[in-house]
Amino acid sequence: MADVLPLVEARLRSALGEPDARAAVTFLGTDRIEVLRFQEGDVVRYATLGMSAQPMNDPTAMVADPVKGARAELILSVRSGLADTDKVLRPLAVLAASPQVEGVIVAPGASLDVGDPLWPGAPFTSVLVAEPGGLVEDLELDEPADPVHFLPLLPMTPNEAAWKRVHGAQALQERWLTNGTDLRDPARTSVPLE
């Protein structure tokens, strides 16, 4: 099968424009993960590139399938100029490497936690993985490979993450919607959870 990453990068560029910065991170025993930065008005988007090079496989499977299996890249959108969000590059690369490192399958509704603030002073240490298809359309690959999904990440405060574990992703998203929460605000406080 042809290298997936040039196709993924072309899809990101067609949807988000030209990246104005990129950084690469390599963790021991993993493939290189890049993070591309796209500026659109007052919103900056960070997209991973490299997570989809290999399919995510069930960690309990005896043999990992080199072709079939879910593929994804991660996209985080925040308002620019309100915080030093460019420091999110390494935490995003850590999340994108988690399928290779920890054997997890990243899917909508999942919580991903980096254990530290996403950027200096951030009130968030984790993200909720949202449904794909809104910002960047799925990238279909040749059969039998699964398509690449571009999964939006929604930053969660520790209280929101704990509430989500009890009530579920859908309930948290409804709470955000009901309260008109600006999920792109890098300095927002936790939504009321009472």
C-alpha atoms as a PDB file:
ATOM      1  CA  MET A   1       0.000   0.000   0.000  1.00  0.00           C
ATOM      2  CA  ALA A   2       1.242   3.513  -0.802  1.00  0.00           C
ATOM      3  CA  ASP A   3       2.491   5.753   1.991  1.00  0.00           C
ATOM      4  CA  VAL A   4      -0.580   7.223   3.670  1.00  0.00           C
ATOM      5  CA  LEU A   5       1.007  10.354   5.143  1.00  0.00           C
ATOM      6  CA  PRO A   6       1.379  12.414   1.914  1.00  0.00           C
ATOM      7  CA  LEU A   7      -2.334  11.809   1.240  1.00  0.00           C
ATOM      8  CA  VAL A   8      -3.204  12.799   4.813  1.00  0.00           C
ATOM      9  CA  GLU A   9      -1.146  15.982   4.600  1.00  0.00           C
ATOM     10  CA  ALA A  10      -2.787  16.864   1.255  1.00  0.00           C
ATOM     11  CA  ARG A  11      -6.237  16.422   2.845  1.00  0.00           C
ATOM     12  CA  LEU A  12      -5.268  18.657   5.783  1.00  0.00           C
ATOM     13  CA  ARG A  13      -3.947  21.348   3.431  1.00  0.00           C
ATOM     14  CA  SER A  14      -7.062  21.247   1.250  1.00  0.00           C
ATOM     15  CA  ALA A  15      -9.296  21.665   4.316  1.00  0.00           C
ATOM     16  CA  LEU A  16      -7.213  24.029   6.469  1.00  0.00           C
ATOM     17  CA  GLY A  17      -4.853  25.837   4.072  1.00  0.00           C
ATOM     18  CA  GLU A  18      -1.081  26.007   4.281  1.00  0.00           C
ATOM     19  CA  PRO A  19       0.483  25.284   7.679  1.00  0.00           C
ATOM     20  CA  ASP A  20       2.452  28.220   9.094  1.00  0.00           C
ATOM     21  CA  ALA A  21       4.600  25.993  11.321  1.00  0.00           C
ATOM     22  CA  ARG A  22       5.390  22.339  11.937  1.00  0.00           C
ATOM     23  CA  ALA A  23       7.323  20.391  14.531  1.00  0.00           C
ATOM     24  CA  ALA A  24       8.335  16.748  14.756  1.00  0.00           C
ATOM     25  CA  VAL A  25       8.650  14.531  17.800  1.00  0.00           C
ATOM     26  CA  THR A  26       9.992  10.987  17.926  1.00  0.00           C
ATOM     27  CA  PHE A  27       9.556   8.753  20.946  1.00  0.00           C
ATOM     28  CA  LEU A  28      11.687   5.677  21.522  1.00  0.00           C
ATOM     29  CA  GLY A  29      10.221   2.743  19.632  1.00  0.00           C
ATOM     30  CA  THR A  30       7.671   4.785  17.670  1.00  0.00           C
ATOM     31  CA  ASP A  31       7.380   6.403  14.275  1.00  0.00           C
ATOM     32  CA  ARG A  32       7.903  10.139  13.957  1.00  0.00           C
ATOM     33  CA  ILE A  33       4.853  12.300  14.731  1.00  0.00           C
ATOM     34  CA  GLU A  34       4.585  15.787  13.281  1.00  0.00           C
ATOM     35  CA  VAL A  35       2.239  18.531  14.437  1.00  0.00           C
ATOM     36  CA  LEU A  36       1.179  21.106  11.851  1.00  0.00           C
ATOM     37  CA  ARG A  37      -0.085  24.548  12.859  1.00  0.00           C
ATOM     38  CA  PHE A  38      -2.766  26.307  10.812  1.00  0.00           C
ATOM     39  CA  GLN A  39      -3.921  29.867  11.506  1.00  0.00           C
ATOM     40  CA  GLU A  40      -7.427  30.845  10.422  1.00  0.00           C
ATOM     41  CA  GLY A  41      -8.506  34.270  11.627  1.00  0.00           C
ATOM     42  CA  ASP A  42      -8.413  34.242  15.433  1.00  0.00           C
ATOM     43  CA  VAL A  43      -8.390  30.426  15.596  1.00  0.00           C
ATOM     44  CA  VAL A  44      -5.258  28.300  15.499  1.00  0.00           C
ATOM     45  CA  ARG A  45      -5.550  24.621  14.645  1.00  0.00           C
ATOM     46  CA  TYR A  46      -2.984  21.975  15.491  1.00  0.00           C
ATOM     47  CA  ALA A  47      -3.155  18.747  13.482  1.00  0.00           C
ATOM     48  CA  THR A  48      -1.080  15.631  13.993  1.00  0.00           C
ATOM     49  CA  LEU A  49       0.577  13.895  11.050  1.00  0.00           C
ATOM     50  CA  GLY A  50       1.949  10.404  11.549  1.00  0.00           C
ATOM     51  CA  MET A  51      -0.609   8.701  13.769  1.00  0.00           C
ATOM     52  CA  SER A  52      -2.399   7.294  10.692  1.00  0.00           C
ATOM     53  CA  ALA A  53       0.744   5.735   9.178  1.00  0.00           C
ATOM     54  CA  GLN A  54      -0.138   2.463  10.906  1.00  0.00           C
ATOM     55  CA  PRO A  55      -3.611   1.156  11.729  1.00  0.00           C
ATOM     56  CA  MET A  56      -4.632   1.018  15.386  1.00  0.00           C
ATOM     57  CA  ASN A  57      -5.010  -2.610  16.371  1.00  0.00           C
ATOM     58  CA  ASP A  58      -6.685  -4.387  19.245  1.00  0.00           C
ATOM     59  CA  PRO A  59      -3.958  -4.781  21.879  1.00  0.00           C
ATOM     60  CA  THR A  60      -5.267  -8.278  22.697  1.00  0.00           C
ATOM     61  CA  ALA A  61      -4.837  -9.512  19.098  1.00  0.00           C
ATOM     62  CA  MET A  62      -2.118 -12.120  18.647  1.00  0.00           C
ATOM     63  CA  VAL A  63      -0.843 -10.491  15.427  1.00  0.00           C
ATOM     64  CA  ALA A  64      -1.272  -6.841  14.418  1.00  0.00           C
ATOM     65  CA  ASP A  65      -2.804  -6.420  10.959  1.00  0.00           C
ATOM     66  CA  PRO A  66      -0.504  -4.093   8.953  1.00  0.00           C
ATOM     67  CA  VAL A  67      -3.350  -2.850   6.698  1.00  0.00           C
ATOM     68  CA  LYS A  68      -6.787  -3.170   8.307  1.00  0.00           C
ATOM     69  CA  GLY A  69      -7.738  -1.247  11.424  1.00  0.00           C
ATOM     70  CA  ALA A  70      -8.847   2.230  12.437  1.00  0.00           C
ATOM     71  CA  ARG A  71      -6.620   5.121  11.361  1.00  0.00           C
ATOM     72  CA  ALA A  72      -6.833   8.659  12.671  1.00  0.00           C
ATOM     73  CA  GLU A  73      -5.158  12.010  13.129  1.00  0.00           C
ATOM     74  CA  LEU A  74      -5.977  14.514  15.887  1.00  0.00           C
ATOM     75  CA  ILE A  75      -7.026  18.161  15.513  1.00  0.00           C
ATOM     76  CA  LEU A  76      -7.129  20.735  18.312  1.00  0.00           C
ATOM     77  CA  SER A  77      -8.659  24.186  17.673  1.00  0.00           C
ATOM     78  CA  VAL A  78      -8.153  27.105  20.093  1.00  0.00           C
ATOM     79  CA  ARG A  79      -8.412  30.891  20.002  1.00  0.00           C
ATOM     80  CA  SER A  80      -5.013  32.420  19.366  1.00  0.00           C
ATOM     81  CA  GLY A  81      -3.319  35.135  21.383  1.00  0.00           C
ATOM     82  CA  LEU A  82      -4.956  34.235  24.718  1.00  0.00           C
ATOM     83  CA  ALA A  83      -2.385  31.685  25.940  1.00  0.00           C
ATOM     84  CA  ASP A  84       0.914  30.110  24.918  1.00  0.00           C
ATOM     85  CA  THR A  85      -0.870  27.290  23.087  1.00  0.00           C
ATOM     86  CA  ASP A  86       2.079  26.552  20.789  1.00  0.00           C
ATOM     87  CA  LYS A  87       3.513  24.569  23.712  1.00  0.00           C
ATOM     88  CA  VAL A  88       0.753  21.980  23.040  1.00  0.00           C
ATOM     89  CA  LEU A  89       2.880  20.401  20.297  1.00  0.00           C
ATOM     90  CA  ARG A  90       4.597  17.828  22.495  1.00  0.00           C
ATOM     91  CA  PRO A  91       1.443  16.800  24.434  1.00  0.00           C
ATOM     92  CA  LEU A  92      -0.382  16.382  21.103  1.00  0.00           C
ATOM     93  CA  ALA A  93       2.443  14.224  19.762  1.00  0.00           C
ATOM     94  CA  VAL A  94       2.261  12.125  22.960  1.00  0.00           C
ATOM     95  CA  LEU A  95      -1.471  11.576  22.390  1.00  0.00           C
ATOM     96  CA  ALA A  96      -0.899  10.722  18.722  1.00  0.00           C
ATOM     97  CA  ALA A  97       1.780   8.177  19.687  1.00  0.00           C
ATOM     98  CA  SER A  98      -0.440   6.479  22.280  1.00  0.00           C
ATOM     99  CA  PRO A  99      -1.745   3.786  19.870  1.00  0.00           C
ATOM    100  CA  GLN A 100       1.856   2.691  19.175  1.00  0.00           C
ATOM    101  CA  VAL A 101       3.113   3.104  22.737  1.00  0.00           C
ATOM    102  CA  GLU A 102       0.132   1.906  24.787  1.00  0.00           C
ATOM    103  CA  GLY A 103      -1.797  -0.118  22.228  1.00  0.00           C
ATOM    104  CA  VAL A 104      -4.952   1.971  22.633  1.00  0.00           C
ATOM    105  CA  ILE A 105      -7.505   2.592  19.914  1.00  0.00           C
ATOM    106  CA  VAL A 106      -8.420   6.284  19.857  1.00  0.00           C
ATOM    107  CA  ALA A 107     -12.107   6.697  19.019  1.00  0.00           C
ATOM    108  CA  PRO A 108     -14.894   9.265  19.508  1.00  0.00           C
ATOM    109  CA  GLY A 109     -16.053   9.468  23.118  1.00  0.00           C
ATOM    110  CA  ALA A 110     -12.658   8.512  24.528  1.00  0.00           C
ATOM    111  CA  SER A 111     -10.755  10.590  27.058  1.00  0.00           C
ATOM    112  CA  LEU A 112      -7.032  11.102  26.571  1.00  0.00           C
ATOM    113  CA  ASP A 113      -5.004  12.453  29.488  1.00  0.00           C
ATOM    114  CA  VAL A 114      -1.446  13.774  29.358  1.00  0.00           C
ATOM    115  CA  GLY A 115      -1.184  14.226  33.134  1.00  0.00           C
ATOM    116  CA  ASP A 116       0.129  17.789  32.835  1.00  0.00           C
ATOM    117  CA  PRO A 117      -1.378  21.044  31.522  1.00  0.00           C
ATOM    118  CA  LEU A 118      -1.743  20.955  27.727  1.00  0.00           C
ATOM    119  CA  TRP A 119       0.243  24.222  27.605  1.00  0.00           C
ATOM    120  CA  PRO A 120       1.704  26.485  30.337  1.00  0.00           C
ATOM    121  CA  GLY A 121      -1.061  27.631  32.672  1.00  0.00           C
ATOM    122  CA  ALA A 122      -3.750  25.630  30.860  1.00  0.00           C
ATOM    123  CA  PRO A 123      -6.702  24.524  33.009  1.00  0.00           C
ATOM    124  CA  PHE A 124      -6.811  21.301  30.951  1.00  0.00           C
ATOM    125  CA  THR A 125      -4.810  18.075  31.287  1.00  0.00           C
ATOM    126  CA  SER A 126      -7.047  15.909  29.118  1.00  0.00           C
ATOM    127  CA  VAL A 127      -9.192  16.006  25.994  1.00  0.00           C
ATOM    128  CA  LEU A 128     -12.436  14.445  24.845  1.00  0.00           C
ATOM    129  CA  VAL A 129     -12.238  12.870  21.393  1.00  0.00           C
ATOM    130  CA  ALA A 130     -15.170  14.172  19.312  1.00  0.00           C
ATOM    131  CA  GLU A 131     -16.867  12.784  16.202  1.00  0.00           C
ATOM    132  CA  PRO A 132     -14.978  13.176  12.896  1.00  0.00           C
ATOM    133  CA  GLY A 133     -16.254  14.619   9.632  1.00  0.00           C
ATOM    134  CA  GLY A 134     -16.984  18.237  10.476  1.00  0.00           C
ATOM    135  CA  LEU A 135     -13.790  20.175   9.894  1.00  0.00           C
ATOM    136  CA  VAL A 136     -11.816  17.715   7.746  1.00  0.00           C
ATOM    137  CA  GLU A 137     -13.560  14.977   5.782  1.00  0.00           C
ATOM    138  CA  ASP A 138     -12.459  11.367   6.192  1.00  0.00           C
ATOM    139  CA  LEU A 139      -9.766  10.229   3.771  1.00  0.00           C
ATOM    140  CA  GLU A 140     -10.756   7.037   1.959  1.00  0.00           C
ATOM    141  CA  LEU A 141      -7.897   4.615   1.321  1.00  0.00           C
ATOM    142  CA  ASP A 142      -7.622   1.692  -1.082  1.00  0.00           C
ATOM    143  CA  GLU A 143      -9.349  -1.485   0.086  1.00  0.00           C
ATOM    144  CA  PRO A 144      -8.925  -3.263   2.428  1.00  0.00           C
ATOM    145  CA  ALA A 145      -7.559  -0.329   4.478  1.00  0.00           C
ATOM    146  CA  ASP A 146      -9.954   1.629   6.674  1.00  0.00           C
ATOM    147  CA  PRO A 147     -10.357   5.383   6.045  1.00  0.00           C
ATOM    148  CA  VAL A 148      -8.379   7.963   8.004  1.00  0.00           C
ATOM    149  CA  HIS A 149     -10.590   9.899  10.428  1.00  0.00           C
ATOM    150  CA  PHE A 150      -9.647  13.413  11.554  1.00  0.00           C
ATOM    151  CA  LEU A 151     -10.730  13.504  15.190  1.00  0.00           C
ATOM    152  CA  PRO A 152     -11.383  16.861  16.885  1.00  0.00           C
ATOM    153  CA  LEU A 153     -10.081  17.161  20.446  1.00  0.00           C
ATOM    154  CA  LEU A 154     -12.078  19.097  23.054  1.00  0.00           C
ATOM    155  CA  PRO A 155     -10.013  20.170  26.099  1.00  0.00           C
ATOM    156  CA  MET A 156     -11.471  19.109  29.456  1.00  0.00           C
ATOM    157  CA  THR A 157     -10.774  20.436  32.940  1.00  0.00           C
ATOM    158  CA  PRO A 158     -10.060  17.772  35.578  1.00  0.00           C
ATOM    159  CA  ASN A 159     -13.597  18.256  36.989  1.00  0.00           C
ATOM    160  CA  GLU A 160     -15.137  17.807  33.536  1.00  0.00           C
ATOM    161  CA  ALA A 161     -13.039  14.687  32.935  1.00  0.00           C
ATOM    162  CA  ALA A 162     -14.191  13.183  36.255  1.00  0.00           C
ATOM    163  CA  TRP A 163     -17.824  14.077  35.501  1.00  0.00           C
ATOM    164  CA  LYS A 164     -17.504  12.540  32.031  1.00  0.00           C
ATOM    165  CA  ARG A 165     -16.238   9.257  33.525  1.00  0.00           C
ATOM    166  CA  VAL A 166     -19.454   9.017  35.557  1.00  0.00           C
ATOM    167  CA  HIS A 167     -22.028  10.433  33.110  1.00  0.00           C
ATOM    168  CA  GLY A 168     -20.466   9.769  29.697  1.00  0.00           C
ATOM    169  CA  ALA A 169     -19.199  11.819  26.769  1.00  0.00           C
ATOM    170  CA  GLN A 170     -22.648  12.635  25.378  1.00  0.00           C
ATOM    171  CA  ALA A 171     -23.832  14.064  28.689  1.00  0.00           C
ATOM    172  CA  LEU A 172     -20.751  16.285  28.966  1.00  0.00           C
ATOM    173  CA  GLN A 173     -21.167  17.551  25.405  1.00  0.00           C
ATOM    174  CA  GLU A 174     -24.833  18.341  26.131  1.00  0.00           C
ATOM    175  CA  ARG A 175     -23.768  20.213  29.278  1.00  0.00           C
ATOM    176  CA  TRP A 176     -21.293  22.275  27.229  1.00  0.00           C
ATOM    177  CA  LEU A 177     -23.956  23.004  24.607  1.00  0.00           C
ATOM    178  CA  THR A 178     -26.622  23.957  27.161  1.00  0.00           C
ATOM    179  CA  ASN A 179     -24.237  26.400  28.845  1.00  0.00           C
ATOM    180  CA  GLY A 180     -22.928  27.886  25.593  1.00  0.00           C
ATOM    181  CA  THR A 181     -19.363  26.869  26.482  1.00  0.00           C
ATOM    182  CA  ASP A 182     -16.693  28.241  24.140  1.00  0.00           C
ATOM    183  CA  LEU A 183     -14.602  25.095  23.722  1.00  0.00           C
ATOM    184  CA  ARG A 184     -11.965  27.048  21.791  1.00  0.00           C
ATOM    185  CA  ASP A 185     -11.261  29.390  24.716  1.00  0.00           C
ATOM    186  CA  PRO A 186      -7.819  28.305  25.999  1.00  0.00           C
ATOM    187  CA  ALA A 187      -8.475  29.898  29.402  1.00  0.00           C
ATOM    188  CA  ARG A 188     -12.102  28.871  29.990  1.00  0.00           C
ATOM    189  CA  THR A 189     -13.252  27.540  33.323  1.00  0.00           C
ATOM    190  CA  SER A 190     -15.116  24.327  33.959  1.00  0.00           C
ATOM    191  CA  VAL A 191     -18.750  24.168  32.884  1.00  0.00           C
ATOM    192  CA  PRO A 192     -21.214  24.092  35.840  1.00  0.00           C
ATOM    193  CA  LEU A 193     -21.593  20.420  36.725  1.00  0.00           C
ATOM    194  CA  GLU A 194     -24.271  20.530  39.450  1.00  0.00           C
END
